[in-house]
Amino acid sequence: MIVFMGYDKREDIAYQVAKRSLLNHATEEVIVVPLKQDDLRERGLYWRPHDPKSSTEFSFTRFLTPYLANYQGWALFVDCDFLFRGDITKLEGYCDPSKAVYVVQHDYQPKEVTKMDGALQHPYPRKNWSSFMWINCAHPQVKALTPEVVNSESGMYLHRFEWLTDDVIGKLPETFNYLEGWHTKADVPDPICVHMTRGGPWFPEWQHVEYAKEWYKVMQNL
């Protein structure tokens, strides 16, 4: 199983903890590949100018996942601000070949106007769907997601999945993308993947978010 994980130089520790927690719980071999924007630029795969609305370095590079997987098999893209509490290989139970991608289909309406290190929240339809994408890289509609498209199309087109028809977007249970500060334990008592989308303990102002103690425990054992 291959996982492409967003990487931002400002959040290296978040990436390290996310990767370690994912591997700690995996019951099969998993390869984690960081999506580093600088490397992708050097390889000539990413040439978009900086977008002031982008809160991370991987806001757009995530959509290169199918290309990087050679448009073969299934691959996961996930943000780095996750804590994994269970076995990510359970995703292999969601591999309907008629689907182009599986996501948790949140109807997320953030309460805060800023997130992480002061970045603005930008509410939009299907927000956070692209933070965790289990992608059928060989699907015909996915193959249309070329580097040229990733580098030229709008954020709206990419993040709202306008590159797909709605019928090929599969639905994952919320346990795979539990939004800290939005979901509660009443919604999902024991989530597999906790998404600290507002900000996590690696930022001074987010030291006491839900599941912070578990995050610190992983960090201390890196």
N, C-alpha and C. Protein backbone atom coordinates (compact mmCIF):
# COMPACT_ATOMS: atom_id res chain seq x y z
N MET A 1 0.86 -1.19 0.00
CA MET A 1 0.00 0.00 0.00
C MET A 1 0.89 1.23 0.00
N ILE A 2 0.57 2.18 -0.87
CA ILE A 2 1.38 3.40 -0.94
C ILE A 2 0.56 4.60 -0.49
N VAL A 3 1.19 5.42 0.35
CA VAL A 3 0.55 6.62 0.90
C VAL A 3 1.40 7.83 0.54
N PHE A 4 0.80 8.78 -0.16
CA PHE A 4 1.44 10.06 -0.42
C PHE A 4 0.93 11.04 0.62
N MET A 5 1.85 11.59 1.40
CA MET A 5 1.48 12.45 2.53
C MET A 5 1.95 13.88 2.26
N GLY A 6 1.06 14.83 2.47
CA GLY A 6 1.42 16.23 2.32
C GLY A 6 2.57 16.60 3.24
N TYR A 7 3.45 17.46 2.74
CA TYR A 7 4.59 17.89 3.54
C TYR A 7 4.73 19.40 3.43
N ASP A 8 4.91 20.04 4.58
CA ASP A 8 5.14 21.48 4.64
C ASP A 8 6.31 21.72 5.58
N LYS A 9 7.31 22.49 5.13
CA LYS A 9 8.52 22.71 5.94
C LYS A 9 8.18 23.26 7.33
N ARG A 10 7.09 24.00 7.44
CA ARG A 10 6.70 24.57 8.74
C ARG A 10 6.13 23.53 9.68
N GLU A 11 5.78 22.36 9.14
CA GLU A 11 5.10 21.34 9.93
C GLU A 11 5.81 19.99 9.85
N ASP A 12 7.15 20.03 9.85
CA ASP A 12 7.89 18.77 9.75
C ASP A 12 7.52 17.80 10.86
N ILE A 13 7.38 18.29 12.08
CA ILE A 13 7.06 17.40 13.21
C ILE A 13 5.67 16.80 13.03
N ALA A 14 4.75 17.54 12.47
CA ALA A 14 3.42 16.99 12.21
C ALA A 14 3.52 15.83 11.23
N TYR A 15 4.31 16.00 10.18
CA TYR A 15 4.53 14.92 9.20
C TYR A 15 5.14 13.69 9.88
N GLN A 16 6.18 13.92 10.71
CA GLN A 16 6.86 12.80 11.36
C GLN A 16 5.92 12.01 12.26
N VAL A 17 5.09 12.71 13.00
CA VAL A 17 4.15 12.03 13.90
C VAL A 17 3.07 11.31 13.10
N ALA A 18 2.55 11.96 12.06
CA ALA A 18 1.53 11.32 11.24
C ALA A 18 2.08 10.03 10.63
N LYS A 19 3.27 10.10 10.07
CA LYS A 19 3.88 8.92 9.45
C LYS A 19 4.11 7.82 10.47
N ARG A 20 4.67 8.17 11.62
CA ARG A 20 4.96 7.15 12.64
C ARG A 20 3.68 6.51 13.16
N SER A 21 2.65 7.32 13.43
CA SER A 21 1.40 6.75 13.95
C SER A 21 0.74 5.85 12.91
N LEU A 22 0.84 6.22 11.63
CA LEU A 22 0.28 5.38 10.57
C LEU A 22 0.99 4.03 10.53
N LEU A 23 2.32 4.06 10.54
CA LEU A 23 3.08 2.81 10.45
C LEU A 23 2.93 1.96 11.71
N ASN A 24 2.75 2.61 12.86
CA ASN A 24 2.60 1.86 14.11
C ASN A 24 1.40 0.93 14.07
N HIS A 25 0.34 1.33 13.36
CA HIS A 25 -0.91 0.57 13.39
C HIS A 25 -1.13 -0.29 12.15
N ALA A 26 -0.32 -0.13 11.13
CA ALA A 26 -0.54 -0.87 9.89
C ALA A 26 -0.23 -2.35 10.06
N THR A 27 -1.10 -3.21 9.58
CA THR A 27 -0.90 -4.66 9.68
C THR A 27 -0.31 -5.24 8.41
N GLU A 28 -0.09 -4.40 7.40
CA GLU A 28 0.56 -4.82 6.17
C GLU A 28 1.65 -3.79 5.85
N GLU A 29 2.50 -4.11 4.89
CA GLU A 29 3.55 -3.17 4.51
C GLU A 29 2.94 -1.92 3.88
N VAL A 30 3.37 -0.75 4.35
CA VAL A 30 2.92 0.52 3.82
C VAL A 30 4.15 1.38 3.52
N ILE A 31 4.16 1.99 2.34
CA ILE A 31 5.22 2.92 1.96
C ILE A 31 4.65 4.33 2.03
N VAL A 32 5.29 5.21 2.78
CA VAL A 32 4.85 6.59 2.92
C VAL A 32 5.81 7.49 2.15
N VAL A 33 5.26 8.27 1.23
CA VAL A 33 6.06 9.17 0.39
C VAL A 33 5.66 10.61 0.68
N PRO A 34 6.59 11.46 1.14
CA PRO A 34 6.24 12.86 1.39
C PRO A 34 6.13 13.64 0.08
N LEU A 35 5.09 14.44 -0.04
CA LEU A 35 4.94 15.30 -1.21
C LEU A 35 5.58 16.65 -0.88
N LYS A 36 6.84 16.80 -1.29
CA LYS A 36 7.59 18.02 -1.00
C LYS A 36 7.55 18.92 -2.23
N GLN A 37 6.99 20.10 -2.07
CA GLN A 37 6.80 20.98 -3.21
C GLN A 37 8.12 21.32 -3.90
N ASP A 38 9.17 21.60 -3.12
CA ASP A 38 10.46 21.96 -3.72
C ASP A 38 10.97 20.85 -4.62
N ASP A 39 10.84 19.60 -4.18
CA ASP A 39 11.30 18.47 -4.99
C ASP A 39 10.49 18.35 -6.27
N LEU A 40 9.17 18.54 -6.16
CA LEU A 40 8.31 18.43 -7.33
C LEU A 40 8.60 19.54 -8.33
N ARG A 41 8.96 20.72 -7.84
CA ARG A 41 9.35 21.81 -8.74
C ARG A 41 10.66 21.46 -9.46
N GLU A 42 11.60 20.91 -8.72
CA GLU A 42 12.88 20.54 -9.32
C GLU A 42 12.70 19.48 -10.40
N ARG A 43 11.72 18.61 -10.21
CA ARG A 43 11.46 17.54 -11.18
C ARG A 43 10.62 18.02 -12.36
N GLY A 44 10.20 19.27 -12.33
CA GLY A 44 9.41 19.81 -13.42
C GLY A 44 7.96 19.36 -13.41
N LEU A 45 7.48 18.90 -12.25
CA LEU A 45 6.10 18.41 -12.15
C LEU A 45 5.15 19.45 -11.57
N TYR A 46 5.72 20.47 -10.96
CA TYR A 46 4.88 21.49 -10.32
C TYR A 46 5.47 22.86 -10.60
N TRP A 47 4.66 23.70 -11.23
CA TRP A 47 5.16 25.03 -11.60
C TRP A 47 4.13 26.13 -11.34
N ARG A 48 3.08 25.83 -10.59
CA ARG A 48 2.11 26.87 -10.27
C ARG A 48 2.77 27.99 -9.47
N PRO A 49 2.39 29.24 -9.72
CA PRO A 49 2.85 30.32 -8.84
C PRO A 49 2.20 30.18 -7.48
N HIS A 50 2.81 30.78 -6.48
CA HIS A 50 2.24 30.71 -5.13
C HIS A 50 0.85 31.31 -5.10
N ASP A 51 -0.07 30.60 -4.45
CA ASP A 51 -1.45 31.07 -4.28
C ASP A 51 -1.61 31.58 -2.85
N PRO A 52 -1.94 32.86 -2.65
CA PRO A 52 -2.06 33.40 -1.29
C PRO A 52 -3.15 32.72 -0.47
N LYS A 53 -4.08 32.04 -1.12
CA LYS A 53 -5.14 31.34 -0.40
C LYS A 53 -4.69 29.95 0.09
N SER A 54 -3.53 29.49 -0.36
CA SER A 54 -3.04 28.17 0.02
C SER A 54 -2.50 28.21 1.45
N SER A 55 -3.06 27.39 2.31
CA SER A 55 -2.62 27.38 3.70
C SER A 55 -1.43 26.45 3.93
N THR A 56 -1.15 25.55 2.96
CA THR A 56 -0.01 24.64 3.07
C THR A 56 0.70 24.53 1.73
N GLU A 57 1.90 23.97 1.75
CA GLU A 57 2.68 23.78 0.53
C GLU A 57 2.11 22.66 -0.35
N PHE A 58 1.20 21.87 0.20
CA PHE A 58 0.66 20.75 -0.57
C PHE A 58 -0.81 20.97 -0.96
N SER A 59 -1.26 22.21 -0.91
CA SER A 59 -2.65 22.49 -1.27
C SER A 59 -3.00 21.96 -2.66
N PHE A 60 -2.06 22.07 -3.59
CA PHE A 60 -2.31 21.61 -4.96
C PHE A 60 -1.50 20.38 -5.34
N THR A 61 -0.33 20.20 -4.73
CA THR A 61 0.50 19.06 -5.12
C THR A 61 -0.18 17.73 -4.83
N ARG A 62 -1.13 17.69 -3.93
CA ARG A 62 -1.86 16.45 -3.62
C ARG A 62 -2.47 15.82 -4.87
N PHE A 63 -2.85 16.67 -5.82
CA PHE A 63 -3.54 16.16 -7.00
C PHE A 63 -2.58 15.54 -8.01
N LEU A 64 -1.29 15.54 -7.70
CA LEU A 64 -0.32 14.81 -8.51
C LEU A 64 -0.22 13.35 -8.10
N THR A 65 -0.92 12.94 -7.06
CA THR A 65 -0.84 11.57 -6.56
C THR A 65 -1.04 10.52 -7.65
N PRO A 66 -2.08 10.58 -8.47
CA PRO A 66 -2.25 9.53 -9.49
C PRO A 66 -1.09 9.46 -10.47
N TYR A 67 -0.58 10.63 -10.87
CA TYR A 67 0.57 10.66 -11.78
C TYR A 67 1.78 10.01 -11.12
N LEU A 68 2.04 10.35 -9.86
CA LEU A 68 3.20 9.81 -9.15
C LEU A 68 3.08 8.30 -8.94
N ALA A 69 1.84 7.80 -8.94
CA ALA A 69 1.60 6.36 -8.82
C ALA A 69 1.53 5.69 -10.20
N ASN A 70 1.93 6.42 -11.23
CA ASN A 70 1.95 5.90 -12.60
C ASN A 70 0.57 5.47 -13.08
N TYR A 71 -0.47 6.11 -12.52
CA TYR A 71 -1.86 5.81 -12.90
C TYR A 71 -2.14 4.31 -12.79
N GLN A 72 -1.60 3.69 -11.75
CA GLN A 72 -1.79 2.25 -11.53
C GLN A 72 -2.24 2.00 -10.10
N GLY A 73 -3.14 1.05 -9.93
CA GLY A 73 -3.54 0.60 -8.61
C GLY A 73 -4.25 1.68 -7.79
N TRP A 74 -4.26 1.46 -6.48
CA TRP A 74 -4.88 2.38 -5.54
C TRP A 74 -3.79 3.06 -4.73
N ALA A 75 -3.98 4.32 -4.43
CA ALA A 75 -3.03 5.07 -3.60
C ALA A 75 -3.81 6.03 -2.71
N LEU A 76 -3.26 6.29 -1.55
CA LEU A 76 -3.88 7.22 -0.60
C LEU A 76 -3.12 8.53 -0.60
N PHE A 77 -3.84 9.63 -0.68
CA PHE A 77 -3.26 10.92 -0.30
C PHE A 77 -3.87 11.32 1.03
N VAL A 78 -3.02 11.86 1.93
CA VAL A 78 -3.51 12.34 3.21
C VAL A 78 -2.68 13.55 3.63
N ASP A 79 -3.34 14.53 4.25
CA ASP A 79 -2.65 15.68 4.83
C ASP A 79 -1.71 15.21 5.95
N CYS A 80 -0.77 16.06 6.34
CA CYS A 80 0.16 15.69 7.41
C CYS A 80 -0.37 15.98 8.81
N ASP A 81 -1.49 16.70 8.91
CA ASP A 81 -2.01 17.05 10.24
C ASP A 81 -3.00 16.00 10.75
N PHE A 82 -2.62 14.73 10.59
CA PHE A 82 -3.43 13.60 11.03
C PHE A 82 -2.72 12.85 12.15
N LEU A 83 -3.51 12.22 12.99
CA LEU A 83 -3.03 11.23 13.95
C LEU A 83 -3.76 9.94 13.63
N PHE A 84 -3.01 8.88 13.37
CA PHE A 84 -3.61 7.59 13.04
C PHE A 84 -3.70 6.74 14.29
N ARG A 85 -4.88 6.24 14.56
CA ARG A 85 -5.15 5.48 15.78
C ARG A 85 -5.55 4.04 15.48
N GLY A 86 -5.58 3.69 14.21
CA GLY A 86 -5.98 2.35 13.80
C GLY A 86 -5.32 1.98 12.48
N ASP A 87 -5.71 0.86 11.95
CA ASP A 87 -5.06 0.27 10.79
C ASP A 87 -5.57 0.88 9.49
N ILE A 88 -4.69 1.61 8.80
CA ILE A 88 -5.08 2.28 7.57
C ILE A 88 -5.33 1.29 6.45
N THR A 89 -4.79 0.07 6.54
CA THR A 89 -4.99 -0.89 5.47
C THR A 89 -6.43 -1.40 5.41
N LYS A 90 -7.25 -1.01 6.37
CA LYS A 90 -8.68 -1.33 6.28
C LYS A 90 -9.33 -0.66 5.07
N LEU A 91 -8.65 0.35 4.51
CA LEU A 91 -9.15 1.00 3.30
C LEU A 91 -9.27 0.01 2.14
N GLU A 92 -8.52 -1.07 2.20
CA GLU A 92 -8.53 -2.03 1.11
C GLU A 92 -9.89 -2.72 0.96
N GLY A 93 -10.77 -2.49 1.92
CA GLY A 93 -12.14 -2.98 1.79
C GLY A 93 -13.00 -2.09 0.92
N TYR A 94 -12.42 -0.98 0.46
CA TYR A 94 -13.15 -0.02 -0.38
C TYR A 94 -12.40 0.13 -1.71
N CYS A 95 -12.63 -0.81 -2.58
CA CYS A 95 -11.89 -0.82 -3.86
C CYS A 95 -12.82 -1.17 -5.03
N ASP A 96 -14.00 -0.61 -5.04
CA ASP A 96 -14.91 -0.81 -6.16
C ASP A 96 -14.27 -0.19 -7.41
N PRO A 97 -13.99 -0.99 -8.44
CA PRO A 97 -13.30 -0.44 -9.62
C PRO A 97 -14.10 0.61 -10.37
N SER A 98 -15.42 0.68 -10.12
CA SER A 98 -16.23 1.70 -10.79
C SER A 98 -16.05 3.09 -10.16
N LYS A 99 -15.44 3.14 -8.97
CA LYS A 99 -15.22 4.41 -8.28
C LYS A 99 -13.83 4.97 -8.61
N ALA A 100 -13.78 6.26 -8.79
CA ALA A 100 -12.50 6.93 -9.06
C ALA A 100 -11.77 7.31 -7.78
N VAL A 101 -12.54 7.61 -6.75
CA VAL A 101 -11.95 8.04 -5.48
C VAL A 101 -12.97 7.78 -4.38
N TYR A 102 -12.48 7.49 -3.20
CA TYR A 102 -13.31 7.41 -1.99
C TYR A 102 -12.87 8.51 -1.04
N VAL A 103 -13.84 9.22 -0.46
CA VAL A 103 -13.55 10.27 0.52
C VAL A 103 -14.63 10.23 1.59
N VAL A 104 -14.33 10.84 2.74
CA VAL A 104 -15.37 11.11 3.73
C VAL A 104 -16.09 12.37 3.27
N GLN A 105 -17.37 12.25 3.04
CA GLN A 105 -18.12 13.35 2.43
C GLN A 105 -18.72 14.28 3.49
N HIS A 106 -17.81 15.05 4.13
CA HIS A 106 -18.23 15.98 5.16
C HIS A 106 -19.12 17.09 4.59
N ASP A 107 -19.97 17.61 5.44
CA ASP A 107 -20.62 18.89 5.17
C ASP A 107 -20.06 19.85 6.21
N TYR A 108 -18.79 20.20 6.03
CA TYR A 108 -18.02 20.91 7.05
C TYR A 108 -18.19 22.41 6.90
N GLN A 109 -18.62 23.05 7.99
CA GLN A 109 -18.78 24.50 8.04
C GLN A 109 -17.95 25.01 9.22
N PRO A 110 -16.68 25.35 8.99
CA PRO A 110 -15.80 25.74 10.11
C PRO A 110 -16.33 26.96 10.86
N LYS A 111 -16.17 26.90 12.19
CA LYS A 111 -16.61 27.99 13.04
C LYS A 111 -15.56 29.09 13.14
N GLU A 112 -14.28 28.71 12.99
CA GLU A 112 -13.19 29.66 13.15
C GLU A 112 -12.94 30.41 11.84
N VAL A 113 -12.40 31.60 11.95
CA VAL A 113 -12.04 32.36 10.74
C VAL A 113 -10.57 32.15 10.38
N THR A 114 -9.78 31.61 11.33
CA THR A 114 -8.39 31.27 11.04
C THR A 114 -8.12 29.85 11.51
N LYS A 115 -7.02 29.30 11.03
CA LYS A 115 -6.60 27.96 11.43
C LYS A 115 -5.09 27.92 11.48
N MET A 116 -4.55 26.84 12.03
CA MET A 116 -3.10 26.61 12.11
C MET A 116 -2.37 27.85 12.58
N ASP A 117 -1.39 28.32 11.80
CA ASP A 117 -0.59 29.46 12.26
C ASP A 117 -1.12 30.77 11.72
N GLY A 118 -2.43 30.97 11.89
CA GLY A 118 -3.05 32.22 11.48
C GLY A 118 -3.57 32.23 10.06
N ALA A 119 -3.48 31.10 9.35
CA ALA A 119 -3.99 31.04 7.98
C ALA A 119 -5.51 31.20 7.99
N LEU A 120 -6.03 31.88 6.99
CA LEU A 120 -7.47 32.10 6.92
C LEU A 120 -8.20 30.82 6.56
N GLN A 121 -9.38 30.64 7.17
CA GLN A 121 -10.28 29.57 6.77
C GLN A 121 -11.05 30.04 5.53
N HIS A 122 -11.15 29.18 4.53
CA HIS A 122 -11.90 29.52 3.33
C HIS A 122 -13.00 28.47 3.15
N PRO A 123 -14.21 28.74 3.67
CA PRO A 123 -15.29 27.78 3.50
C PRO A 123 -15.65 27.60 2.02
N TYR A 124 -15.92 26.37 1.63
CA TYR A 124 -16.36 26.09 0.27
C TYR A 124 -17.01 24.71 0.25
N PRO A 125 -17.85 24.43 -0.73
CA PRO A 125 -18.48 23.11 -0.82
C PRO A 125 -17.42 22.00 -0.91
N ARG A 126 -17.68 20.90 -0.23
CA ARG A 126 -16.80 19.73 -0.22
C ARG A 126 -15.47 20.02 0.48
N LYS A 127 -15.48 20.98 1.39
CA LYS A 127 -14.26 21.30 2.13
C LYS A 127 -13.79 20.09 2.93
N ASN A 128 -12.52 19.82 2.88
CA ASN A 128 -11.84 18.72 3.56
C ASN A 128 -12.00 17.37 2.88
N TRP A 129 -12.80 17.29 1.82
CA TRP A 129 -12.90 16.02 1.10
C TRP A 129 -11.52 15.63 0.55
N SER A 130 -10.77 16.62 0.08
CA SER A 130 -9.48 16.32 -0.55
C SER A 130 -8.35 16.11 0.44
N SER A 131 -8.65 16.20 1.74
CA SER A 131 -7.59 16.00 2.74
C SER A 131 -7.26 14.53 2.95
N PHE A 132 -8.15 13.66 2.47
CA PHE A 132 -7.95 12.20 2.61
C PHE A 132 -8.63 11.56 1.42
N MET A 133 -7.84 11.18 0.42
CA MET A 133 -8.39 10.63 -0.83
C MET A 133 -7.80 9.24 -1.09
N TRP A 134 -8.67 8.26 -1.14
CA TRP A 134 -8.28 6.89 -1.51
C TRP A 134 -8.59 6.77 -3.01
N ILE A 135 -7.55 6.80 -3.82
CA ILE A 135 -7.68 7.06 -5.25
C ILE A 135 -7.46 5.81 -6.08
N ASN A 136 -8.37 5.56 -6.98
CA ASN A 136 -8.23 4.50 -7.98
C ASN A 136 -7.46 5.10 -9.16
N CYS A 137 -6.14 4.98 -9.11
CA CYS A 137 -5.29 5.73 -10.04
C CYS A 137 -5.46 5.31 -11.50
N ALA A 138 -5.99 4.11 -11.75
CA ALA A 138 -6.17 3.62 -13.11
C ALA A 138 -7.52 3.98 -13.70
N HIS A 139 -8.38 4.63 -12.92
CA HIS A 139 -9.72 4.97 -13.41
C HIS A 139 -9.61 5.97 -14.56
N PRO A 140 -10.41 5.80 -15.61
CA PRO A 140 -10.31 6.71 -16.77
C PRO A 140 -10.45 8.19 -16.41
N GLN A 141 -11.35 8.53 -15.50
CA GLN A 141 -11.51 9.94 -15.15
C GLN A 141 -10.33 10.45 -14.34
N VAL A 142 -9.68 9.58 -13.59
CA VAL A 142 -8.51 9.99 -12.82
C VAL A 142 -7.32 10.23 -13.74
N LYS A 143 -7.21 9.44 -14.79
CA LYS A 143 -6.09 9.60 -15.73
C LYS A 143 -6.10 10.97 -16.40
N ALA A 144 -7.25 11.63 -16.39
CA ALA A 144 -7.32 12.99 -16.95
C ALA A 144 -6.69 14.03 -16.03
N LEU A 145 -6.33 13.62 -14.81
CA LEU A 145 -5.72 14.53 -13.84
C LEU A 145 -4.20 14.53 -14.07
N THR A 146 -3.80 15.20 -15.12
CA THR A 146 -2.39 15.25 -15.52
C THR A 146 -1.66 16.39 -14.81
N PRO A 147 -0.33 16.40 -14.82
CA PRO A 147 0.39 17.55 -14.25
C PRO A 147 -0.03 18.87 -14.87
N GLU A 148 -0.34 18.87 -16.17
CA GLU A 148 -0.77 20.11 -16.82
C GLU A 148 -2.08 20.61 -16.22
N VAL A 149 -3.01 19.69 -15.93
CA VAL A 149 -4.28 20.07 -15.31
C VAL A 149 -4.05 20.57 -13.89
N VAL A 150 -3.23 19.86 -13.14
CA VAL A 150 -2.96 20.24 -11.75
C VAL A 150 -2.33 21.63 -11.67
N ASN A 151 -1.53 21.96 -12.65
CA ASN A 151 -0.82 23.24 -12.63
C ASN A 151 -1.60 24.39 -13.25
N SER A 152 -2.71 24.10 -13.91
CA SER A 152 -3.42 25.17 -14.61
C SER A 152 -4.84 25.41 -14.14
N GLU A 153 -5.49 24.36 -13.62
CA GLU A 153 -6.89 24.52 -13.23
C GLU A 153 -7.01 25.25 -11.89
N SER A 154 -8.19 25.78 -11.63
CA SER A 154 -8.43 26.56 -10.41
C SER A 154 -8.52 25.66 -9.18
N GLY A 155 -8.33 26.28 -8.03
CA GLY A 155 -8.54 25.55 -6.79
C GLY A 155 -9.95 25.03 -6.67
N MET A 156 -10.91 25.79 -7.14
CA MET A 156 -12.31 25.35 -7.11
C MET A 156 -12.47 24.06 -7.91
N TYR A 157 -11.91 24.03 -9.10
CA TYR A 157 -12.03 22.85 -9.97
C TYR A 157 -11.42 21.62 -9.31
N LEU A 158 -10.27 21.78 -8.68
CA LEU A 158 -9.55 20.65 -8.10
C LEU A 158 -10.17 20.20 -6.77
N HIS A 159 -10.32 21.12 -5.83
CA HIS A 159 -10.76 20.74 -4.49
C HIS A 159 -12.25 20.38 -4.42
N ARG A 160 -13.03 20.84 -5.35
CA ARG A 160 -14.45 20.46 -5.37
C ARG A 160 -14.70 19.23 -6.24
N PHE A 161 -13.64 18.63 -6.72
CA PHE A 161 -13.72 17.40 -7.51
C PHE A 161 -14.52 17.59 -8.79
N GLU A 162 -14.36 18.75 -9.39
CA GLU A 162 -15.04 19.00 -10.65
C GLU A 162 -14.39 18.24 -11.81
N TRP A 163 -13.27 17.58 -11.54
CA TRP A 163 -12.62 16.72 -12.52
C TRP A 163 -13.24 15.32 -12.56
N LEU A 164 -14.24 15.11 -11.72
CA LEU A 164 -14.96 13.84 -11.68
C LEU A 164 -16.45 14.06 -11.80
N THR A 165 -17.16 13.05 -12.30
CA THR A 165 -18.62 13.05 -12.21
C THR A 165 -19.00 12.51 -10.84
N ASP A 166 -20.10 12.99 -10.30
CA ASP A 166 -20.46 12.67 -8.92
C ASP A 166 -20.63 11.16 -8.68
N ASP A 167 -21.03 10.43 -9.70
CA ASP A 167 -21.32 9.00 -9.51
C ASP A 167 -20.08 8.16 -9.25
N VAL A 168 -18.88 8.71 -9.53
CA VAL A 168 -17.67 7.92 -9.31
C VAL A 168 -16.94 8.32 -8.03
N ILE A 169 -17.58 9.16 -7.21
CA ILE A 169 -17.01 9.55 -5.92
C ILE A 169 -17.62 8.67 -4.83
N GLY A 170 -16.84 7.74 -4.32
CA GLY A 170 -17.32 6.83 -3.30
C GLY A 170 -17.29 7.47 -1.91
N LYS A 171 -18.03 6.86 -1.01
CA LYS A 171 -18.18 7.42 0.33
C LYS A 171 -17.52 6.53 1.37
N LEU A 172 -16.64 7.13 2.17
CA LEU A 172 -16.00 6.45 3.29
C LEU A 172 -16.69 6.80 4.60
N PRO A 173 -16.65 5.89 5.59
CA PRO A 173 -17.18 6.24 6.91
C PRO A 173 -16.34 7.32 7.58
N GLU A 174 -16.94 8.07 8.47
CA GLU A 174 -16.28 9.22 9.09
C GLU A 174 -15.07 8.85 9.93
N THR A 175 -14.95 7.58 10.31
CA THR A 175 -13.80 7.16 11.11
C THR A 175 -12.48 7.40 10.39
N PHE A 176 -12.51 7.51 9.06
CA PHE A 176 -11.27 7.73 8.30
C PHE A 176 -10.88 9.20 8.18
N ASN A 177 -11.75 10.10 8.58
CA ASN A 177 -11.38 11.52 8.54
C ASN A 177 -12.21 12.27 9.58
N TYR A 178 -11.89 11.99 10.83
CA TYR A 178 -12.55 12.61 11.97
C TYR A 178 -12.00 14.01 12.14
N LEU A 179 -12.85 15.01 12.00
CA LEU A 179 -12.41 16.40 12.06
C LEU A 179 -12.44 16.89 13.50
N GLU A 180 -11.25 17.03 14.08
CA GLU A 180 -11.15 17.51 15.46
C GLU A 180 -11.77 18.91 15.54
N GLY A 181 -12.61 19.10 16.55
CA GLY A 181 -13.29 20.38 16.72
C GLY A 181 -14.62 20.47 16.00
N TRP A 182 -14.88 19.51 15.13
CA TRP A 182 -16.16 19.46 14.40
C TRP A 182 -16.92 18.19 14.79
N HIS A 183 -16.30 17.03 14.58
CA HIS A 183 -16.89 15.80 15.06
C HIS A 183 -16.74 15.68 16.58
N THR A 184 -17.51 14.80 17.16
CA THR A 184 -17.38 14.51 18.59
C THR A 184 -17.35 12.99 18.77
N LYS A 185 -17.02 12.56 19.97
CA LYS A 185 -17.01 11.12 20.25
C LYS A 185 -18.40 10.52 20.15
N ALA A 186 -19.41 11.36 20.27
CA ALA A 186 -20.78 10.86 20.06
C ALA A 186 -20.99 10.49 18.59
N ASP A 187 -20.30 11.21 17.69
CA ASP A 187 -20.38 10.90 16.27
C ASP A 187 -19.57 9.65 15.94
N VAL A 188 -18.31 9.65 16.40
CA VAL A 188 -17.37 8.58 16.11
C VAL A 188 -16.59 8.29 17.39
N PRO A 189 -16.98 7.25 18.13
CA PRO A 189 -16.37 7.01 19.45
C PRO A 189 -14.89 6.67 19.40
N ASP A 190 -14.43 6.01 18.35
CA ASP A 190 -13.05 5.52 18.31
C ASP A 190 -12.48 5.67 16.90
N PRO A 191 -12.22 6.90 16.45
CA PRO A 191 -11.81 7.12 15.07
C PRO A 191 -10.46 6.48 14.72
N ILE A 192 -10.36 6.01 13.49
CA ILE A 192 -9.09 5.49 13.00
C ILE A 192 -8.13 6.64 12.68
N CYS A 193 -8.66 7.70 12.07
CA CYS A 193 -7.83 8.81 11.61
C CYS A 193 -8.39 10.12 12.14
N VAL A 194 -7.63 10.80 12.98
CA VAL A 194 -8.04 12.08 13.54
C VAL A 194 -7.35 13.20 12.77
N HIS A 195 -8.14 14.09 12.20
CA HIS A 195 -7.62 15.19 11.40
C HIS A 195 -7.66 16.47 12.24
N MET A 196 -6.50 16.96 12.59
CA MET A 196 -6.41 18.18 13.40
C MET A 196 -6.40 19.39 12.47
N THR A 197 -7.50 19.55 11.78
CA THR A 197 -7.57 20.50 10.67
C THR A 197 -7.50 21.97 11.13
N ARG A 198 -7.90 22.25 12.35
CA ARG A 198 -7.82 23.64 12.84
C ARG A 198 -6.40 24.02 13.22
N GLY A 199 -5.63 23.02 13.63
CA GLY A 199 -4.28 23.21 14.13
C GLY A 199 -3.99 22.16 15.17
N GLY A 200 -2.75 21.73 15.27
CA GLY A 200 -2.40 20.68 16.22
C GLY A 200 -1.37 21.12 17.22
N PRO A 201 -0.92 20.21 18.09
CA PRO A 201 -0.02 20.57 19.19
C PRO A 201 1.35 21.08 18.75
N TRP A 202 1.66 20.97 17.47
CA TRP A 202 2.93 21.53 16.99
C TRP A 202 2.87 23.05 16.86
N PHE A 203 1.68 23.64 17.06
CA PHE A 203 1.52 25.09 17.11
C PHE A 203 1.22 25.50 18.55
N PRO A 204 1.84 26.56 19.06
CA PRO A 204 1.66 26.96 20.46
C PRO A 204 0.21 27.17 20.86
N GLU A 205 -0.60 27.71 19.96
CA GLU A 205 -1.98 28.03 20.32
C GLU A 205 -2.93 26.85 20.23
N TRP A 206 -2.42 25.67 19.85
CA TRP A 206 -3.29 24.48 19.70
C TRP A 206 -2.76 23.31 20.53
N GLN A 207 -2.32 23.61 21.74
CA GLN A 207 -1.71 22.59 22.60
C GLN A 207 -2.71 21.62 23.20
N HIS A 208 -3.96 22.01 23.28
CA HIS A 208 -4.91 21.21 24.05
C HIS A 208 -6.09 20.71 23.21
N VAL A 209 -5.86 20.50 21.93
CA VAL A 209 -6.92 19.96 21.08
C VAL A 209 -7.20 18.51 21.47
N GLU A 210 -8.35 18.03 21.06
CA GLU A 210 -8.71 16.64 21.34
C GLU A 210 -7.66 15.70 20.75
N TYR A 211 -7.30 14.67 21.49
CA TYR A 211 -6.31 13.66 21.11
C TYR A 211 -4.88 14.20 21.14
N ALA A 212 -4.68 15.38 21.74
CA ALA A 212 -3.32 15.94 21.84
C ALA A 212 -2.40 15.04 22.66
N LYS A 213 -2.91 14.42 23.71
CA LYS A 213 -2.07 13.55 24.55
C LYS A 213 -1.56 12.36 23.74
N GLU A 214 -2.42 11.81 22.90
CA GLU A 214 -1.99 10.68 22.07
C GLU A 214 -0.95 11.14 21.05
N TRP A 215 -1.13 12.34 20.52
CA TRP A 215 -0.18 12.89 19.56
C TRP A 215 1.19 13.04 20.21
N TYR A 216 1.22 13.60 21.42
CA TYR A 216 2.48 13.79 22.14
C TYR A 216 3.16 12.45 22.45
N LYS A 217 2.37 11.45 22.74
CA LYS A 217 2.95 10.14 23.05
C LYS A 217 3.69 9.58 21.84
N VAL A 218 3.12 9.75 20.66
CA VAL A 218 3.81 9.31 19.44
C VAL A 218 5.08 10.13 19.23
N MET A 219 4.95 11.46 19.41
CA MET A 219 6.11 12.33 19.20
C MET A 219 7.27 11.95 20.11
N GLN A 220 6.97 11.62 21.35
CA GLN A 220 8.02 11.30 22.31
C GLN A 220 8.73 10.00 21.99
N ASN A 221 8.12 9.19 21.11
CA ASN A 221 8.72 7.90 20.76
C ASN A 221 9.25 7.86 19.33
N LEU A 222 9.43 9.03 18.74
CA LEU A 222 10.00 9.08 17.39
C LEU A 222 11.46 8.60 17.40
